[in-house]
């Protein structure tokens, strides 16, 4: 139900179509805001687990999540323009479940050996 609500709201508020560049631009701006939250704390990623900086960062991350879902919903709707918001939302949920399953089947390097400032990428050749 939530994704159908989001799809309907977004289309009514921001118009139809994929809006790929606009959504991507907004995501980049939100990612900068997340980094600024931590930079304002001397680059400290939050210190203690209950640090208020994490709540502030979560407030920015939710913007990224909503925008990423908007991009997904718009891509699906562009591929299936006759679908309802409910059909688009169901398809988006299927995409998410399928991708999560694929990621779970992939082999990943030990996160303890990874640089915290770089992406951890799966081992190539497994579930590509």
C-alpha atoms as a PDB file:
ATOM      1  CA  UNK A   1       0.000   0.000   0.000  1.00  0.00           C
ATOM      2  CA  UNK A   2       2.729   2.516   0.789  1.00  0.00           C
ATOM      3  CA  UNK A   3       4.474   2.225  -2.582  1.00  0.00           C
ATOM      4  CA  UNK A   4       1.153   2.635  -4.395  1.00  0.00           C
ATOM      5  CA  UNK A   5       0.504   5.765  -2.321  1.00  0.00           C
ATOM      6  CA  UNK A   6       4.000   7.077  -3.074  1.00  0.00           C
ATOM      7  CA  UNK A   7       3.662   6.340  -6.812  1.00  0.00           C
ATOM      8  CA  UNK A   8       0.308   8.133  -7.027  1.00  0.00           C
ATOM      9  CA  UNK A   9       1.560  11.127  -5.013  1.00  0.00           C
ATOM     10  CA  UNK A  10       4.756  11.474  -7.006  1.00  0.00           C
ATOM     11  CA  UNK A  11       3.037  11.273 -10.366  1.00  0.00           C
ATOM     12  CA  UNK A  12       0.373  13.796  -9.326  1.00  0.00           C
ATOM     13  CA  UNK A  13       2.888  16.165  -7.731  1.00  0.00           C
ATOM     14  CA  UNK A  14       5.914  15.917 -10.038  1.00  0.00           C
ATOM     15  CA  UNK A  15       4.327  14.649 -13.246  1.00  0.00           C
ATOM     16  CA  UNK A  16       4.640  11.445 -15.244  1.00  0.00           C
ATOM     17  CA  UNK A  17       7.675   9.978 -16.935  1.00  0.00           C
ATOM     18  CA  UNK A  18      10.948   8.607 -15.638  1.00  0.00           C
ATOM     19  CA  UNK A  19      12.490  12.028 -14.739  1.00  0.00           C
ATOM     20  CA  UNK A  20      15.803  10.162 -14.473  1.00  0.00           C
ATOM     21  CA  UNK A  21      18.094  13.184 -14.458  1.00  0.00           C
ATOM     22  CA  UNK A  22      15.944  15.137 -12.007  1.00  0.00           C
ATOM     23  CA  UNK A  23      15.611  12.258  -9.546  1.00  0.00           C
ATOM     24  CA  UNK A  24      19.326  11.413  -9.843  1.00  0.00           C
ATOM     25  CA  UNK A  25      20.244  15.064  -9.270  1.00  0.00           C
ATOM     26  CA  UNK A  26      18.098  15.177  -6.151  1.00  0.00           C
ATOM     27  CA  UNK A  27      19.665  11.952  -4.816  1.00  0.00           C
ATOM     28  CA  UNK A  28      23.167  13.404  -5.306  1.00  0.00           C
ATOM     29  CA  UNK A  29      22.161  16.522  -3.340  1.00  0.00           C
ATOM     30  CA  UNK A  30      20.784  14.408  -0.498  1.00  0.00           C
ATOM     31  CA  UNK A  31      23.986  12.316  -0.381  1.00  0.00           C
ATOM     32  CA  UNK A  32      25.990  15.527   0.002  1.00  0.00           C
ATOM     33  CA  UNK A  33      23.724  16.514   2.896  1.00  0.00           C
ATOM     34  CA  UNK A  34      24.402  13.171   4.613  1.00  0.00           C
ATOM     35  CA  UNK A  35      28.149  13.686   4.306  1.00  0.00           C
ATOM     36  CA  UNK A  36      27.749  17.230   5.649  1.00  0.00           C
ATOM     37  CA  UNK A  37      25.970  15.899   8.755  1.00  0.00           C
ATOM     38  CA  UNK A  38      29.041  13.859   9.619  1.00  0.00           C
ATOM     39  CA  UNK A  39      31.550  16.505   8.526  1.00  0.00           C
ATOM     40  CA  UNK A  40      29.851  18.916  10.925  1.00  0.00           C
ATOM     41  CA  UNK A  41      30.882  16.418  13.596  1.00  0.00           C
ATOM     42  CA  UNK A  42      34.569  16.671  12.630  1.00  0.00           C
ATOM     43  CA  UNK A  43      34.225  13.789  10.202  1.00  0.00           C
ATOM     44  CA  UNK A  44      33.299  11.505  13.076  1.00  0.00           C
ATOM     45  CA  UNK A  45      30.764   8.953  11.852  1.00  0.00           C
ATOM     46  CA  UNK A  46      28.729   9.515  14.983  1.00  0.00           C
ATOM     47  CA  UNK A  47      30.846   8.269  17.820  1.00  0.00           C
ATOM     48  CA  UNK A  48      28.618   6.559  20.327  1.00  0.00           C
ATOM     49  CA  UNK A  49      25.806   4.325  19.051  1.00  0.00           C
ATOM     50  CA  UNK A  50      23.148   6.609  20.544  1.00  0.00           C
ATOM     51  CA  UNK A  51      24.659   9.813  19.178  1.00  0.00           C
ATOM     52  CA  UNK A  52      22.093  12.351  17.896  1.00  0.00           C
ATOM     53  CA  UNK A  53      24.080  12.642  14.670  1.00  0.00           C
ATOM     54  CA  UNK A  54      22.729   9.226  13.651  1.00  0.00           C
ATOM     55  CA  UNK A  55      19.126  10.453  13.976  1.00  0.00           C
ATOM     56  CA  UNK A  56      19.980  13.490  11.881  1.00  0.00           C
ATOM     57  CA  UNK A  57      21.664  11.297   9.263  1.00  0.00           C
ATOM     58  CA  UNK A  58      18.669   8.927   9.252  1.00  0.00           C
ATOM     59  CA  UNK A  59      16.469  11.890   8.398  1.00  0.00           C
ATOM     60  CA  UNK A  60      18.599  12.505   5.315  1.00  0.00           C
ATOM     61  CA  UNK A  61      18.897   8.815   4.380  1.00  0.00           C
ATOM     62  CA  UNK A  62      15.113   8.509   4.303  1.00  0.00           C
ATOM     63  CA  UNK A  63      15.083  11.197   1.608  1.00  0.00           C
ATOM     64  CA  UNK A  64      17.502   9.089  -0.449  1.00  0.00           C
ATOM     65  CA  UNK A  65      15.355   5.992   0.069  1.00  0.00           C
ATOM     66  CA  UNK A  66      12.172   7.792  -1.013  1.00  0.00           C
ATOM     67  CA  UNK A  67      13.901   9.246  -4.064  1.00  0.00           C
ATOM     68  CA  UNK A  68      15.402   5.877  -5.034  1.00  0.00           C
ATOM     69  CA  UNK A  69      11.974   4.268  -4.750  1.00  0.00           C
ATOM     70  CA  UNK A  70      10.536   7.117  -6.822  1.00  0.00           C
ATOM     71  CA  UNK A  71      13.092   6.388  -9.541  1.00  0.00           C
ATOM     72  CA  UNK A  72      12.198   2.683  -9.448  1.00  0.00           C
ATOM     73  CA  UNK A  73       8.462   3.374  -9.557  1.00  0.00           C
ATOM     74  CA  UNK A  74       8.876   5.829 -12.440  1.00  0.00           C
ATOM     75  CA  UNK A  75      10.976   3.373 -14.460  1.00  0.00           C
ATOM     76  CA  UNK A  76       8.341   0.678 -14.013  1.00  0.00           C
ATOM     77  CA  UNK A  77       5.518   3.052 -14.905  1.00  0.00           C
ATOM     78  CA  UNK A  78       7.419   4.196 -18.007  1.00  0.00           C
ATOM     79  CA  UNK A  79       7.722   0.541 -19.053  1.00  0.00           C
ATOM     80  CA  UNK A  80       4.019  -0.112 -18.318  1.00  0.00           C
ATOM     81  CA  UNK A  81       2.166   3.197 -18.823  1.00  0.00           C
ATOM     82  CA  UNK A  82      -1.269   1.588 -18.593  1.00  0.00           C
ATOM     83  CA  UNK A  83      -0.698   0.143 -15.138  1.00  0.00           C
ATOM     84  CA  UNK A  84      -2.309   1.432 -11.970  1.00  0.00           C
ATOM     85  CA  UNK A  85      -0.232   2.663  -9.055  1.00  0.00           C
ATOM     86  CA  UNK A  86      -1.038  -0.620  -7.281  1.00  0.00           C
ATOM     87  CA  UNK A  87       0.361  -2.687 -10.167  1.00  0.00           C
ATOM     88  CA  UNK A  88       3.476  -0.523 -10.317  1.00  0.00           C
ATOM     89  CA  UNK A  89       3.965  -0.903  -6.552  1.00  0.00           C
ATOM     90  CA  UNK A  90       3.553  -4.689  -6.710  1.00  0.00           C
ATOM     91  CA  UNK A  91       6.121  -4.904  -9.494  1.00  0.00           C
ATOM     92  CA  UNK A  92       8.544  -2.686  -7.528  1.00  0.00           C
ATOM     93  CA  UNK A  93       8.184  -4.976  -4.504  1.00  0.00           C
ATOM     94  CA  UNK A  94       8.927  -7.967  -6.724  1.00  0.00           C
ATOM     95  CA  UNK A  95      12.068  -6.245  -8.048  1.00  0.00           C
ATOM     96  CA  UNK A  96      13.235  -5.523  -4.501  1.00  0.00           C
ATOM     97  CA  UNK A  97      12.614  -9.086  -3.276  1.00  0.00           C
ATOM     98  CA  UNK A  98      14.334 -10.570  -6.326  1.00  0.00           C
ATOM     99  CA  UNK A  99      17.388  -8.346  -5.971  1.00  0.00           C
ATOM    100  CA  UNK A 100      17.648  -8.991  -2.226  1.00  0.00           C
ATOM    101  CA  UNK A 101      17.595 -12.737  -2.892  1.00  0.00           C
ATOM    102  CA  UNK A 102      20.283 -12.349  -5.539  1.00  0.00           C
ATOM    103  CA  UNK A 103      22.459 -10.349  -3.141  1.00  0.00           C
ATOM    104  CA  UNK A 104      22.000 -12.993  -0.448  1.00  0.00           C
ATOM    105  CA  UNK A 105      23.231 -15.695  -2.836  1.00  0.00           C
ATOM    106  CA  UNK A 106      26.317 -13.718  -3.832  1.00  0.00           C
ATOM    107  CA  UNK A 107      29.713 -14.114  -2.227  1.00  0.00           C
ATOM    108  CA  UNK A 108      30.951 -11.041  -0.365  1.00  0.00           C
ATOM    109  CA  UNK A 109      34.384 -10.200   1.018  1.00  0.00           C
ATOM    110  CA  UNK A 110      34.831 -10.022   4.779  1.00  0.00           C
ATOM    111  CA  UNK A 111      33.589  -6.600   5.795  1.00  0.00           C
ATOM    112  CA  UNK A 112      36.137  -6.506   8.624  1.00  0.00           C
ATOM    113  CA  UNK A 113      38.884  -6.393   5.978  1.00  0.00           C
ATOM    114  CA  UNK A 114      37.206  -3.593   3.998  1.00  0.00           C
ATOM    115  CA  UNK A 115      37.877   0.126   3.893  1.00  0.00           C
ATOM    116  CA  UNK A 116      34.974   1.899   5.623  1.00  0.00           C
ATOM    117  CA  UNK A 117      35.151   4.702   3.053  1.00  0.00           C
ATOM    118  CA  UNK A 118      34.756   2.464   0.001  1.00  0.00           C
ATOM    119  CA  UNK A 119      31.964   0.313  -1.389  1.00  0.00           C
ATOM    120  CA  UNK A 120      32.024  -3.379  -0.570  1.00  0.00           C
ATOM    121  CA  UNK A 121      31.379  -5.165  -3.846  1.00  0.00           C
ATOM    122  CA  UNK A 122      30.417  -8.779  -4.337  1.00  0.00           C
ATOM    123  CA  UNK A 123      32.801 -11.319  -5.833  1.00  0.00           C
ATOM    124  CA  UNK A 124      32.333 -11.184  -9.599  1.00  0.00           C
ATOM    125  CA  UNK A 125      31.045 -14.263 -11.372  1.00  0.00           C
ATOM    126  CA  UNK A 126      28.588 -15.310  -8.671  1.00  0.00           C
ATOM    127  CA  UNK A 127      24.976 -14.279  -9.346  1.00  0.00           C
ATOM    128  CA  UNK A 128      25.976 -11.602 -11.889  1.00  0.00           C
END
